[in-house]
Amino acid sequence: MKAKDFDKKFDEGKSVVKYLDLSKARRPEQEQKRVNVDFPLWMIRSLDKEAKRLGVPRQSIIKIWLAERLQQVSV
């Protein structure tokens, strides 16, 4: 399919998903890499308390807080 036809379908609000090869799709800067970090027990308890209060996993709290801090220092 030509880009012009693809754009037309998209602009008309039609689904273009069947024309995409999603097996090769990537989200730049969103690739995952596992890291191990040791925290003092008091931090784990505080993280777990906050995670329970918000109803999310501990990992989510850590990611959100790190992302917020990194955005602050990047400005």
N, C-alpha and C. Protein backbone atom coordinates (compact mmCIF):
# COMPACT_ATOMS: atom_id res chain seq x y z
N MET A 1 0.84 -1.17 0.00
CA MET A 1 0.00 0.00 0.00
C MET A 1 0.90 1.24 0.00
N LYS A 2 0.51 2.19 -0.77
CA LYS A 2 1.27 3.43 -0.85
C LYS A 2 0.96 4.31 0.36
N ALA A 3 1.92 5.11 0.74
CA ALA A 3 1.78 5.97 1.91
C ALA A 3 0.58 6.89 1.77
N LYS A 4 0.33 7.37 0.57
CA LYS A 4 -0.79 8.28 0.31
C LYS A 4 -2.11 7.58 0.65
N ASP A 5 -2.26 6.31 0.24
CA ASP A 5 -3.48 5.56 0.53
C ASP A 5 -3.61 5.26 2.03
N PHE A 6 -2.48 4.92 2.63
CA PHE A 6 -2.46 4.65 4.07
C PHE A 6 -2.90 5.89 4.84
N ASP A 7 -2.33 7.05 4.49
CA ASP A 7 -2.68 8.31 5.15
C ASP A 7 -4.16 8.64 4.97
N LYS A 8 -4.67 8.38 3.78
CA LYS A 8 -6.08 8.68 3.50
C LYS A 8 -6.98 7.85 4.40
N LYS A 9 -6.70 6.55 4.50
CA LYS A 9 -7.50 5.68 5.36
C LYS A 9 -7.44 6.16 6.82
N PHE A 10 -6.22 6.48 7.26
CA PHE A 10 -6.05 6.94 8.63
C PHE A 10 -6.83 8.23 8.86
N ASP A 11 -6.70 9.18 7.95
CA ASP A 11 -7.39 10.47 8.08
C ASP A 11 -8.90 10.32 8.07
N GLU A 12 -9.38 9.28 7.40
CA GLU A 12 -10.83 9.02 7.36
C GLU A 12 -11.31 8.29 8.60
N GLY A 13 -10.38 7.98 9.49
CA GLY A 13 -10.75 7.30 10.74
C GLY A 13 -10.88 5.80 10.61
N LYS A 14 -10.42 5.27 9.50
CA LYS A 14 -10.49 3.82 9.31
C LYS A 14 -9.30 3.15 10.00
N SER A 15 -9.47 1.91 10.39
CA SER A 15 -8.39 1.17 11.04
C SER A 15 -7.30 0.84 10.02
N VAL A 16 -6.07 1.12 10.41
CA VAL A 16 -4.92 0.82 9.55
C VAL A 16 -4.04 -0.26 10.17
N VAL A 17 -4.49 -0.84 11.27
CA VAL A 17 -3.69 -1.81 12.01
C VAL A 17 -3.33 -3.02 11.14
N LYS A 18 -4.25 -3.46 10.31
CA LYS A 18 -3.97 -4.65 9.50
C LYS A 18 -2.86 -4.40 8.47
N TYR A 19 -2.51 -3.16 8.24
CA TYR A 19 -1.45 -2.84 7.28
C TYR A 19 -0.08 -2.68 7.95
N LEU A 20 -0.04 -2.83 9.26
CA LEU A 20 1.20 -2.64 10.01
C LEU A 20 1.79 -3.98 10.44
N ASP A 21 3.10 -4.06 10.45
CA ASP A 21 3.80 -5.24 10.96
C ASP A 21 4.18 -4.93 12.40
N LEU A 22 3.29 -5.26 13.34
CA LEU A 22 3.49 -4.92 14.74
C LEU A 22 4.59 -5.74 15.40
N SER A 23 5.01 -6.82 14.76
CA SER A 23 6.09 -7.63 15.34
C SER A 23 7.41 -6.86 15.36
N LYS A 24 7.50 -5.84 14.53
CA LYS A 24 8.72 -5.03 14.47
C LYS A 24 8.55 -3.68 15.15
N ALA A 25 7.41 -3.46 15.77
CA ALA A 25 7.14 -2.18 16.42
C ALA A 25 8.01 -2.03 17.66
N ARG A 26 8.51 -0.81 17.86
CA ARG A 26 9.32 -0.48 19.03
C ARG A 26 8.89 0.86 19.57
N ARG A 27 9.12 1.05 20.84
CA ARG A 27 8.88 2.35 21.46
C ARG A 27 10.23 2.90 21.87
N PRO A 28 10.80 3.80 21.10
CA PRO A 28 12.13 4.34 21.42
C PRO A 28 12.22 4.85 22.85
N GLU A 29 13.33 4.59 23.47
CA GLU A 29 13.59 5.00 24.85
C GLU A 29 12.68 4.31 25.86
N GLN A 30 11.95 3.29 25.43
CA GLN A 30 11.07 2.58 26.35
C GLN A 30 11.47 1.12 26.52
N GLU A 31 12.60 0.73 25.93
CA GLU A 31 13.06 -0.64 26.10
C GLU A 31 13.34 -0.88 27.58
N GLN A 32 13.11 -2.10 28.02
CA GLN A 32 13.28 -2.43 29.42
C GLN A 32 14.63 -3.09 29.67
N LYS A 33 15.20 -2.83 30.81
CA LYS A 33 16.42 -3.49 31.26
C LYS A 33 16.29 -3.71 32.75
N ARG A 34 16.49 -4.93 33.16
CA ARG A 34 16.36 -5.27 34.57
C ARG A 34 17.61 -4.84 35.34
N VAL A 35 17.38 -4.23 36.50
CA VAL A 35 18.48 -3.86 37.40
C VAL A 35 18.13 -4.32 38.81
N ASN A 36 19.13 -4.59 39.58
CA ASN A 36 18.93 -4.97 40.99
C ASN A 36 19.42 -3.83 41.86
N VAL A 37 18.59 -3.44 42.81
CA VAL A 37 18.93 -2.36 43.73
C VAL A 37 18.64 -2.85 45.14
N ASP A 38 19.58 -2.65 46.02
CA ASP A 38 19.38 -3.00 47.43
C ASP A 38 18.90 -1.76 48.18
N PHE A 39 17.80 -1.92 48.94
CA PHE A 39 17.25 -0.84 49.74
C PHE A 39 17.29 -1.23 51.21
N PRO A 40 17.47 -0.26 52.09
CA PRO A 40 17.35 -0.56 53.52
C PRO A 40 15.91 -1.00 53.83
N LEU A 41 15.77 -1.79 54.86
CA LEU A 41 14.46 -2.32 55.21
C LEU A 41 13.44 -1.23 55.47
N TRP A 42 13.85 -0.11 56.09
CA TRP A 42 12.89 0.97 56.36
C TRP A 42 12.32 1.54 55.07
N MET A 43 13.14 1.58 54.00
CA MET A 43 12.65 2.08 52.70
C MET A 43 11.64 1.12 52.10
N ILE A 44 11.93 -0.16 52.20
CA ILE A 44 11.01 -1.16 51.66
C ILE A 44 9.66 -1.06 52.36
N ARG A 45 9.70 -0.91 53.67
CA ARG A 45 8.44 -0.80 54.43
C ARG A 45 7.66 0.45 54.00
N SER A 46 8.35 1.55 53.84
CA SER A 46 7.69 2.80 53.41
C SER A 46 7.14 2.68 52.00
N LEU A 47 7.93 2.07 51.12
CA LEU A 47 7.47 1.86 49.74
C LEU A 47 6.23 0.98 49.72
N ASP A 48 6.27 -0.10 50.49
CA ASP A 48 5.12 -1.02 50.52
C ASP A 48 3.88 -0.36 51.09
N LYS A 49 4.07 0.48 52.11
CA LYS A 49 2.94 1.19 52.71
C LYS A 49 2.29 2.12 51.69
N GLU A 50 3.12 2.87 50.98
CA GLU A 50 2.60 3.80 49.96
C GLU A 50 1.97 3.05 48.80
N ALA A 51 2.61 1.98 48.39
CA ALA A 51 2.06 1.17 47.28
C ALA A 51 0.70 0.60 47.66
N LYS A 52 0.57 0.12 48.89
CA LYS A 52 -0.71 -0.43 49.34
C LYS A 52 -1.78 0.66 49.38
N ARG A 53 -1.38 1.85 49.87
CA ARG A 53 -2.33 2.97 49.94
C ARG A 53 -2.87 3.33 48.56
N LEU A 54 -1.98 3.29 47.57
CA LEU A 54 -2.37 3.64 46.21
C LEU A 54 -2.93 2.46 45.42
N GLY A 55 -2.76 1.26 45.94
CA GLY A 55 -3.26 0.07 45.25
C GLY A 55 -2.45 -0.30 44.02
N VAL A 56 -1.13 -0.08 44.10
CA VAL A 56 -0.24 -0.41 42.99
C VAL A 56 0.93 -1.23 43.52
N PRO A 57 1.65 -1.92 42.65
CA PRO A 57 2.82 -2.67 43.09
C PRO A 57 3.98 -1.75 43.51
N ARG A 58 4.84 -2.24 44.36
CA ARG A 58 6.01 -1.49 44.81
C ARG A 58 6.83 -0.99 43.63
N GLN A 59 6.99 -1.82 42.62
CA GLN A 59 7.79 -1.44 41.45
C GLN A 59 7.23 -0.19 40.77
N SER A 60 5.93 -0.06 40.75
CA SER A 60 5.31 1.11 40.12
C SER A 60 5.65 2.39 40.87
N ILE A 61 5.62 2.33 42.20
CA ILE A 61 5.99 3.49 43.00
C ILE A 61 7.42 3.91 42.71
N ILE A 62 8.31 2.94 42.71
CA ILE A 62 9.73 3.23 42.46
C ILE A 62 9.91 3.86 41.09
N LYS A 63 9.27 3.30 40.06
CA LYS A 63 9.41 3.84 38.71
C LYS A 63 8.86 5.26 38.61
N ILE A 64 7.70 5.48 39.18
CA ILE A 64 7.08 6.80 39.11
C ILE A 64 7.94 7.84 39.81
N TRP A 65 8.38 7.52 41.03
CA TRP A 65 9.17 8.48 41.79
C TRP A 65 10.51 8.76 41.12
N LEU A 66 11.14 7.74 40.59
CA LEU A 66 12.40 7.96 39.88
C LEU A 66 12.19 8.81 38.63
N ALA A 67 11.15 8.51 37.89
CA ALA A 67 10.85 9.28 36.68
C ALA A 67 10.60 10.75 37.02
N GLU A 68 9.82 10.99 38.08
CA GLU A 68 9.54 12.38 38.49
C GLU A 68 10.84 13.11 38.86
N ARG A 69 11.68 12.45 39.61
CA ARG A 69 12.93 13.07 40.04
C ARG A 69 13.85 13.34 38.85
N LEU A 70 13.93 12.39 37.94
CA LEU A 70 14.78 12.57 36.77
C LEU A 70 14.28 13.69 35.87
N GLN A 71 12.96 13.86 35.79
CA GLN A 71 12.41 14.97 35.01
C GLN A 71 12.75 16.30 35.67
N GLN A 72 12.76 16.34 36.98
CA GLN A 72 13.10 17.58 37.69
C GLN A 72 14.54 17.99 37.44
N VAL A 73 15.45 17.04 37.49
CA VAL A 73 16.86 17.37 37.32
C VAL A 73 17.24 17.57 35.86
N SER A 74 16.39 17.14 34.94
CA SER A 74 16.67 17.29 33.51
C SER A 74 16.23 18.65 32.98
N VAL A 75 15.45 19.36 33.74
CA VAL A 75 14.91 20.64 33.27
C VAL A 75 15.95 21.72 33.27
